[in-house]
Amino acid sequence: MKTTTALLLTLIILMPGNSAACTMVYGNGWQGCAETPEREPVWHDRWGAVATDGSTGAFGAAYTVSGRDNAVKKAIKQCTKNKGKNCEIRLIYRNECASMVSGKEWDFFQSAPTTEDAESIAMRRCEGKDIDCNVVYTRCSHGFST
């Protein structure tokens, strides 16, 4: 009788479509068989910043940094490390690309979704107000989800 009951229970549990047909992990109980809802993706922003010192020509940048303040601090620190005395933030961007174009008299900073867009917009701005325009910096700080 015990063998028949055990066999019957095993067949019921293993039947297709039976909600109890799952591999139970020790200690999980029936909750271990319940469907686990899909986890919502978590978005992680990434920041960038560009700092310069106009008097010394020093430059500093940060990209793919996990916070706005961290990006600013890192760009200022790098600019200071590159002999900057009065480094100022010139551009802060999030989840996109940045470009710096230098002309004979001015620097132009631009952020955009792609490097091509950032460079072309900055170049167009430079060519409208200056001469000898060249792209001197381009980086992206794209966010991601997990």
N, C-alpha and C. Protein backbone atom coordinates (compact mmCIF):
# COMPACT_ATOMS: atom_id res chain seq x y z
N MET A 1 0.80 -1.18 0.00
CA MET A 1 0.00 0.00 0.00
C MET A 1 0.86 1.27 0.00
N LYS A 2 1.93 1.28 0.84
CA LYS A 2 2.81 2.44 0.89
C LYS A 2 3.46 2.67 -0.47
N THR A 3 3.89 1.60 -1.13
CA THR A 3 4.53 1.71 -2.43
C THR A 3 3.56 2.27 -3.46
N THR A 4 2.34 1.84 -3.44
CA THR A 4 1.34 2.33 -4.38
C THR A 4 1.05 3.81 -4.14
N THR A 5 0.93 4.22 -2.90
CA THR A 5 0.66 5.62 -2.57
C THR A 5 1.84 6.50 -3.00
N ALA A 6 3.05 6.06 -2.73
CA ALA A 6 4.24 6.82 -3.11
C ALA A 6 4.33 6.95 -4.61
N LEU A 7 4.04 5.87 -5.35
CA LEU A 7 4.08 5.88 -6.81
C LEU A 7 3.03 6.83 -7.35
N LEU A 8 1.85 6.82 -6.79
CA LEU A 8 0.77 7.69 -7.22
C LEU A 8 1.12 9.16 -6.98
N LEU A 9 1.68 9.47 -5.82
CA LEU A 9 2.09 10.84 -5.52
C LEU A 9 3.18 11.32 -6.49
N THR A 10 4.12 10.46 -6.78
CA THR A 10 5.19 10.79 -7.72
C THR A 10 4.62 11.09 -9.08
N LEU A 11 3.68 10.27 -9.57
CA LEU A 11 3.07 10.49 -10.87
C LEU A 11 2.29 11.79 -10.91
N ILE A 12 1.56 12.10 -9.84
CA ILE A 12 0.79 13.34 -9.79
C ILE A 12 1.71 14.55 -9.83
N ILE A 13 2.77 14.49 -9.07
CA ILE A 13 3.72 15.60 -9.03
C ILE A 13 4.41 15.80 -10.37
N LEU A 14 4.72 14.72 -11.07
CA LEU A 14 5.46 14.82 -12.32
C LEU A 14 4.57 15.03 -13.54
N MET A 15 3.25 15.06 -13.37
CA MET A 15 2.34 15.23 -14.49
C MET A 15 2.55 16.62 -15.11
N PRO A 16 2.57 16.67 -16.47
CA PRO A 16 2.70 17.98 -17.12
C PRO A 16 1.50 18.85 -16.77
N GLY A 17 1.74 20.15 -16.62
CA GLY A 17 0.67 21.08 -16.30
C GLY A 17 0.34 21.14 -14.83
N ASN A 18 0.93 20.28 -14.04
CA ASN A 18 0.65 20.31 -12.60
C ASN A 18 1.51 21.39 -11.98
N SER A 19 0.91 22.31 -11.25
CA SER A 19 1.64 23.44 -10.68
C SER A 19 2.70 22.99 -9.67
N ALA A 20 2.57 21.79 -9.15
CA ALA A 20 3.55 21.32 -8.18
C ALA A 20 4.74 20.66 -8.85
N ALA A 21 4.73 20.56 -10.18
CA ALA A 21 5.82 19.90 -10.89
C ALA A 21 6.99 20.86 -11.04
N CYS A 22 7.84 20.87 -10.07
CA CYS A 22 9.02 21.71 -10.13
C CYS A 22 10.11 21.05 -9.31
N THR A 23 11.30 21.53 -9.50
CA THR A 23 12.41 21.03 -8.70
C THR A 23 12.48 21.88 -7.45
N MET A 24 12.20 21.28 -6.34
CA MET A 24 12.20 22.04 -5.10
C MET A 24 13.59 21.98 -4.48
N VAL A 25 14.04 23.11 -4.06
CA VAL A 25 15.31 23.21 -3.38
C VAL A 25 15.02 23.07 -1.90
N TYR A 26 15.85 22.34 -1.20
CA TYR A 26 15.63 22.07 0.22
C TYR A 26 15.37 23.37 0.98
N GLY A 27 14.27 23.41 1.68
CA GLY A 27 13.95 24.56 2.51
C GLY A 27 13.08 25.60 1.84
N ASN A 28 12.83 25.49 0.53
CA ASN A 28 12.03 26.49 -0.16
C ASN A 28 10.53 26.27 -0.02
N GLY A 29 10.09 25.04 0.25
CA GLY A 29 8.67 24.76 0.35
C GLY A 29 7.98 25.01 -0.97
N TRP A 30 6.66 25.15 -0.94
CA TRP A 30 5.92 25.35 -2.19
C TRP A 30 6.27 26.67 -2.86
N GLN A 31 6.76 27.67 -2.10
CA GLN A 31 7.13 28.95 -2.69
C GLN A 31 8.27 28.80 -3.69
N GLY A 32 9.07 27.76 -3.47
CA GLY A 32 10.18 27.51 -4.39
C GLY A 32 9.69 27.12 -5.77
N CYS A 33 8.43 26.71 -5.89
CA CYS A 33 7.87 26.32 -7.18
C CYS A 33 7.18 27.48 -7.88
N ALA A 34 6.90 28.55 -7.17
CA ALA A 34 6.19 29.67 -7.77
C ALA A 34 7.09 30.35 -8.80
N GLU A 35 6.47 30.88 -9.86
CA GLU A 35 7.24 31.60 -10.87
C GLU A 35 7.85 32.84 -10.26
N THR A 36 9.08 33.10 -10.60
CA THR A 36 9.74 34.31 -10.13
C THR A 36 9.46 35.41 -11.15
N PRO A 37 8.91 36.54 -10.73
CA PRO A 37 8.64 37.60 -11.69
C PRO A 37 9.95 38.14 -12.26
N GLU A 38 9.88 38.57 -13.52
CA GLU A 38 11.09 39.14 -14.14
C GLU A 38 11.47 40.41 -13.42
N ARG A 39 12.76 40.56 -13.20
CA ARG A 39 13.29 41.74 -12.54
C ARG A 39 13.31 42.91 -13.53
N GLU A 40 12.87 44.05 -13.10
CA GLU A 40 12.93 45.24 -13.94
C GLU A 40 14.40 45.64 -14.12
N PRO A 41 14.79 46.01 -15.34
CA PRO A 41 16.17 46.46 -15.52
C PRO A 41 16.44 47.74 -14.73
N VAL A 42 17.66 47.88 -14.27
CA VAL A 42 18.07 49.07 -13.52
C VAL A 42 19.01 49.87 -14.42
N TRP A 43 18.68 51.13 -14.63
CA TRP A 43 19.49 52.00 -15.50
C TRP A 43 20.57 52.69 -14.67
N HIS A 44 21.79 52.71 -15.20
CA HIS A 44 22.92 53.36 -14.55
C HIS A 44 23.40 54.50 -15.44
N ASP A 45 23.23 55.74 -14.97
CA ASP A 45 23.72 56.89 -15.72
C ASP A 45 25.24 56.94 -15.66
N ARG A 46 25.84 57.46 -16.71
CA ARG A 46 27.28 57.71 -16.73
C ARG A 46 27.51 59.15 -17.15
N TRP A 47 28.37 59.81 -16.41
CA TRP A 47 28.62 61.24 -16.57
C TRP A 47 30.02 61.51 -17.10
N GLY A 48 30.16 62.66 -17.71
CA GLY A 48 31.45 63.14 -18.15
C GLY A 48 31.54 64.64 -17.91
N ALA A 49 32.75 65.16 -17.86
CA ALA A 49 32.96 66.60 -17.67
C ALA A 49 34.30 66.99 -18.30
N VAL A 50 34.36 68.24 -18.72
CA VAL A 50 35.59 68.78 -19.31
C VAL A 50 35.92 70.07 -18.57
N ALA A 51 37.17 70.20 -18.15
CA ALA A 51 37.64 71.41 -17.47
C ALA A 51 38.87 71.96 -18.20
N THR A 52 38.99 73.27 -18.23
CA THR A 52 40.18 73.90 -18.83
C THR A 52 40.61 75.08 -17.98
N ASP A 53 41.84 75.47 -18.18
CA ASP A 53 42.39 76.69 -17.60
C ASP A 53 42.87 77.53 -18.77
N GLY A 54 42.12 78.59 -19.08
CA GLY A 54 42.45 79.43 -20.23
C GLY A 54 43.80 80.10 -20.15
N SER A 55 44.28 80.38 -18.94
CA SER A 55 45.55 81.10 -18.80
C SER A 55 46.76 80.18 -19.04
N THR A 56 46.64 78.90 -18.68
CA THR A 56 47.79 78.00 -18.85
C THR A 56 47.58 76.99 -19.99
N GLY A 57 46.35 76.89 -20.48
CA GLY A 57 46.05 75.91 -21.53
C GLY A 57 45.86 74.50 -20.99
N ALA A 58 45.81 74.36 -19.67
CA ALA A 58 45.63 73.03 -19.07
C ALA A 58 44.24 72.49 -19.40
N PHE A 59 44.17 71.18 -19.49
CA PHE A 59 42.94 70.49 -19.86
C PHE A 59 42.75 69.28 -18.95
N GLY A 60 41.53 69.01 -18.57
CA GLY A 60 41.22 67.81 -17.79
C GLY A 60 39.84 67.30 -18.17
N ALA A 61 39.68 66.01 -18.18
CA ALA A 61 38.39 65.43 -18.54
C ALA A 61 38.12 64.18 -17.73
N ALA A 62 36.84 63.89 -17.59
CA ALA A 62 36.39 62.66 -16.94
C ALA A 62 35.28 62.08 -17.82
N TYR A 63 35.24 60.76 -17.93
CA TYR A 63 34.16 60.12 -18.69
C TYR A 63 33.82 58.78 -18.07
N THR A 64 32.61 58.33 -18.33
CA THR A 64 32.03 57.10 -17.76
C THR A 64 32.13 57.07 -16.23
N VAL A 65 31.81 58.19 -15.60
CA VAL A 65 31.84 58.31 -14.15
C VAL A 65 30.41 58.13 -13.62
N SER A 66 30.29 57.56 -12.42
CA SER A 66 28.97 57.20 -11.90
C SER A 66 28.16 58.34 -11.28
N GLY A 67 28.65 59.53 -11.24
CA GLY A 67 27.87 60.64 -10.70
C GLY A 67 28.35 61.97 -11.24
N ARG A 68 27.44 62.95 -11.28
CA ARG A 68 27.76 64.28 -11.80
C ARG A 68 28.89 64.92 -11.00
N ASP A 69 28.75 64.94 -9.68
CA ASP A 69 29.76 65.56 -8.84
C ASP A 69 31.12 64.87 -8.98
N ASN A 70 31.09 63.55 -9.09
CA ASN A 70 32.34 62.80 -9.27
C ASN A 70 33.02 63.17 -10.59
N ALA A 71 32.23 63.33 -11.65
CA ALA A 71 32.80 63.71 -12.95
C ALA A 71 33.44 65.10 -12.88
N VAL A 72 32.74 66.03 -12.24
CA VAL A 72 33.27 67.40 -12.10
C VAL A 72 34.58 67.39 -11.31
N LYS A 73 34.58 66.72 -10.17
CA LYS A 73 35.80 66.66 -9.34
C LYS A 73 36.97 66.03 -10.10
N LYS A 74 36.68 64.96 -10.83
CA LYS A 74 37.74 64.26 -11.56
C LYS A 74 38.31 65.13 -12.69
N ALA A 75 37.45 65.85 -13.41
CA ALA A 75 37.92 66.72 -14.49
C ALA A 75 38.77 67.87 -13.94
N ILE A 76 38.32 68.49 -12.85
CA ILE A 76 39.09 69.58 -12.21
C ILE A 76 40.43 69.05 -11.72
N LYS A 77 40.40 67.88 -11.09
CA LYS A 77 41.65 67.28 -10.56
C LYS A 77 42.64 67.02 -11.68
N GLN A 78 42.16 66.48 -12.80
CA GLN A 78 43.06 66.19 -13.92
C GLN A 78 43.59 67.48 -14.53
N CYS A 79 42.75 68.49 -14.64
CA CYS A 79 43.19 69.78 -15.17
C CYS A 79 44.27 70.39 -14.28
N THR A 80 44.06 70.33 -12.98
CA THR A 80 45.04 70.85 -12.01
C THR A 80 46.35 70.06 -12.10
N LYS A 81 46.23 68.76 -12.25
CA LYS A 81 47.41 67.89 -12.40
C LYS A 81 48.20 68.25 -13.66
N ASN A 82 47.49 68.76 -14.68
CA ASN A 82 48.15 69.16 -15.93
C ASN A 82 48.59 70.63 -15.90
N LYS A 83 48.91 71.11 -14.70
CA LYS A 83 49.46 72.45 -14.46
C LYS A 83 48.42 73.57 -14.55
N GLY A 84 47.15 73.23 -14.36
CA GLY A 84 46.12 74.26 -14.34
C GLY A 84 46.06 74.92 -12.97
N LYS A 85 45.92 76.23 -12.96
CA LYS A 85 45.83 76.96 -11.70
C LYS A 85 44.40 77.44 -11.42
N ASN A 86 43.67 77.75 -12.47
CA ASN A 86 42.28 78.23 -12.35
C ASN A 86 41.37 77.41 -13.26
N CYS A 87 41.33 76.12 -13.03
CA CYS A 87 40.54 75.23 -13.89
C CYS A 87 39.05 75.46 -13.67
N GLU A 88 38.33 75.53 -14.77
CA GLU A 88 36.89 75.72 -14.73
C GLU A 88 36.21 74.65 -15.57
N ILE A 89 35.05 74.22 -15.11
CA ILE A 89 34.27 73.25 -15.87
C ILE A 89 33.68 73.95 -17.08
N ARG A 90 33.89 73.37 -18.23
CA ARG A 90 33.38 73.95 -19.48
C ARG A 90 32.20 73.16 -20.04
N LEU A 91 32.10 71.87 -19.66
CA LEU A 91 31.01 71.04 -20.17
C LEU A 91 30.77 69.88 -19.22
N ILE A 92 29.50 69.61 -18.93
CA ILE A 92 29.09 68.43 -18.17
C ILE A 92 28.07 67.71 -19.04
N TYR A 93 28.21 66.40 -19.16
CA TYR A 93 27.27 65.64 -20.00
C TYR A 93 26.95 64.31 -19.34
N ARG A 94 25.77 63.76 -19.72
CA ARG A 94 25.29 62.51 -19.13
C ARG A 94 24.75 61.60 -20.23
N ASN A 95 25.22 60.36 -20.25
CA ASN A 95 24.74 59.33 -21.17
C ASN A 95 24.83 59.75 -22.64
N GLU A 96 25.87 60.47 -22.99
CA GLU A 96 26.08 60.86 -24.38
C GLU A 96 27.56 61.12 -24.63
N CYS A 97 27.86 61.72 -25.75
CA CYS A 97 29.25 61.97 -26.15
C CYS A 97 29.56 63.46 -26.07
N ALA A 98 30.84 63.77 -25.98
CA ALA A 98 31.27 65.17 -25.90
C ALA A 98 32.45 65.38 -26.83
N SER A 99 32.57 66.60 -27.31
CA SER A 99 33.67 66.95 -28.19
C SER A 99 34.15 68.36 -27.86
N MET A 100 35.45 68.56 -28.04
CA MET A 100 36.05 69.89 -27.90
C MET A 100 36.76 70.19 -29.20
N VAL A 101 36.44 71.34 -29.78
CA VAL A 101 37.08 71.80 -31.00
C VAL A 101 37.78 73.12 -30.68
N SER A 102 39.05 73.20 -31.03
CA SER A 102 39.83 74.42 -30.79
C SER A 102 40.09 75.14 -32.09
N GLY A 103 39.87 76.44 -32.03
CA GLY A 103 40.22 77.31 -33.15
C GLY A 103 41.41 78.17 -32.76
N LYS A 104 41.72 79.13 -33.60
CA LYS A 104 42.86 80.00 -33.32
C LYS A 104 42.63 80.83 -32.05
N GLU A 105 41.40 81.29 -31.81
CA GLU A 105 41.10 82.15 -30.68
C GLU A 105 40.23 81.50 -29.60
N TRP A 106 39.37 80.55 -29.98
CA TRP A 106 38.36 80.04 -29.07
C TRP A 106 38.32 78.51 -29.03
N ASP A 107 37.76 78.00 -27.93
CA ASP A 107 37.46 76.57 -27.79
C ASP A 107 35.94 76.42 -27.79
N PHE A 108 35.47 75.35 -28.42
CA PHE A 108 34.04 75.08 -28.50
C PHE A 108 33.77 73.68 -27.95
N PHE A 109 32.78 73.58 -27.08
CA PHE A 109 32.44 72.32 -26.41
C PHE A 109 31.02 71.94 -26.80
N GLN A 110 30.81 70.65 -27.05
CA GLN A 110 29.50 70.21 -27.47
C GLN A 110 29.23 68.78 -27.01
N SER A 111 28.01 68.51 -26.54
CA SER A 111 27.60 67.14 -26.25
C SER A 111 26.48 66.77 -27.21
N ALA A 112 26.38 65.48 -27.52
CA ALA A 112 25.37 64.97 -28.46
C ALA A 112 25.30 63.45 -28.30
N PRO A 113 24.28 62.82 -28.87
CA PRO A 113 24.13 61.36 -28.73
C PRO A 113 25.29 60.54 -29.31
N THR A 114 25.97 61.04 -30.34
CA THR A 114 27.08 60.30 -30.95
C THR A 114 28.32 61.18 -31.06
N THR A 115 29.48 60.54 -31.25
CA THR A 115 30.72 61.31 -31.42
C THR A 115 30.66 62.14 -32.70
N GLU A 116 30.08 61.55 -33.75
CA GLU A 116 29.98 62.27 -35.02
C GLU A 116 29.16 63.55 -34.87
N ASP A 117 28.03 63.46 -34.16
CA ASP A 117 27.19 64.64 -33.95
C ASP A 117 27.90 65.68 -33.10
N ALA A 118 28.52 65.24 -32.01
CA ALA A 118 29.22 66.19 -31.12
C ALA A 118 30.34 66.91 -31.87
N GLU A 119 31.12 66.16 -32.64
CA GLU A 119 32.21 66.76 -33.40
C GLU A 119 31.70 67.71 -34.48
N SER A 120 30.71 67.29 -35.24
CA SER A 120 30.24 68.12 -36.35
C SER A 120 29.58 69.41 -35.86
N ILE A 121 28.81 69.35 -34.77
CA ILE A 121 28.18 70.56 -34.24
C ILE A 121 29.25 71.52 -33.69
N ALA A 122 30.20 70.99 -32.93
CA ALA A 122 31.28 71.84 -32.39
C ALA A 122 32.11 72.44 -33.52
N MET A 123 32.38 71.64 -34.55
CA MET A 123 33.17 72.13 -35.69
C MET A 123 32.41 73.23 -36.42
N ARG A 124 31.12 73.04 -36.64
CA ARG A 124 30.30 74.05 -37.31
C ARG A 124 30.28 75.36 -36.50
N ARG A 125 30.17 75.25 -35.18
CA ARG A 125 30.18 76.44 -34.32
C ARG A 125 31.52 77.16 -34.42
N CYS A 126 32.61 76.37 -34.40
CA CYS A 126 33.96 76.96 -34.48
C CYS A 126 34.16 77.66 -35.82
N GLU A 127 33.82 76.98 -36.90
CA GLU A 127 34.03 77.55 -38.23
C GLU A 127 33.19 78.79 -38.47
N GLY A 128 32.10 78.95 -37.70
CA GLY A 128 31.27 80.14 -37.82
C GLY A 128 31.85 81.35 -37.11
N LYS A 129 32.82 81.13 -36.18
CA LYS A 129 33.35 82.24 -35.38
C LYS A 129 34.87 82.32 -35.34
N ASP A 130 35.56 81.31 -35.87
CA ASP A 130 37.01 81.24 -35.70
C ASP A 130 37.63 80.61 -36.95
N ILE A 131 38.95 80.47 -36.95
CA ILE A 131 39.67 79.81 -38.05
C ILE A 131 40.57 78.72 -37.46
N ASP A 132 41.14 77.89 -38.32
CA ASP A 132 42.05 76.81 -37.91
C ASP A 132 41.40 75.89 -36.88
N CYS A 133 40.18 75.45 -37.13
CA CYS A 133 39.42 74.62 -36.19
C CYS A 133 39.85 73.15 -36.28
N ASN A 134 40.10 72.55 -35.12
CA ASN A 134 40.50 71.14 -35.05
C ASN A 134 39.82 70.46 -33.86
N VAL A 135 39.40 69.21 -34.07
CA VAL A 135 38.85 68.42 -32.97
C VAL A 135 40.03 67.99 -32.10
N VAL A 136 39.98 68.32 -30.82
CA VAL A 136 41.08 67.98 -29.92
C VAL A 136 40.67 66.95 -28.85
N TYR A 137 39.36 66.75 -28.69
CA TYR A 137 38.90 65.80 -27.68
C TYR A 137 37.51 65.28 -28.05
N THR A 138 37.34 63.97 -27.93
CA THR A 138 36.02 63.36 -28.09
C THR A 138 35.97 62.11 -27.21
N ARG A 139 34.91 62.00 -26.42
CA ARG A 139 34.69 60.82 -25.57
C ARG A 139 33.20 60.63 -25.37
N CYS A 140 32.83 59.40 -25.03
CA CYS A 140 31.43 59.09 -24.72
C CYS A 140 31.31 58.53 -23.31
N SER A 141 30.18 58.83 -22.70
CA SER A 141 29.84 58.30 -21.38
C SER A 141 28.43 57.73 -21.49
N HIS A 142 28.34 56.53 -22.00
CA HIS A 142 27.02 55.93 -22.20
C HIS A 142 26.56 55.21 -20.95
N GLY A 143 25.30 55.40 -20.60
CA GLY A 143 24.71 54.66 -19.50
C GLY A 143 24.46 53.22 -19.92
N PHE A 144 24.06 52.40 -18.96
CA PHE A 144 23.78 51.00 -19.26
C PHE A 144 22.78 50.46 -18.27
N SER A 145 22.15 49.35 -18.63
CA SER A 145 21.18 48.75 -17.71
C SER A 145 21.66 47.35 -17.30
N THR A 146 21.26 46.96 -16.11
CA THR A 146 21.61 45.63 -15.61
C THR A 146 20.34 44.91 -15.19
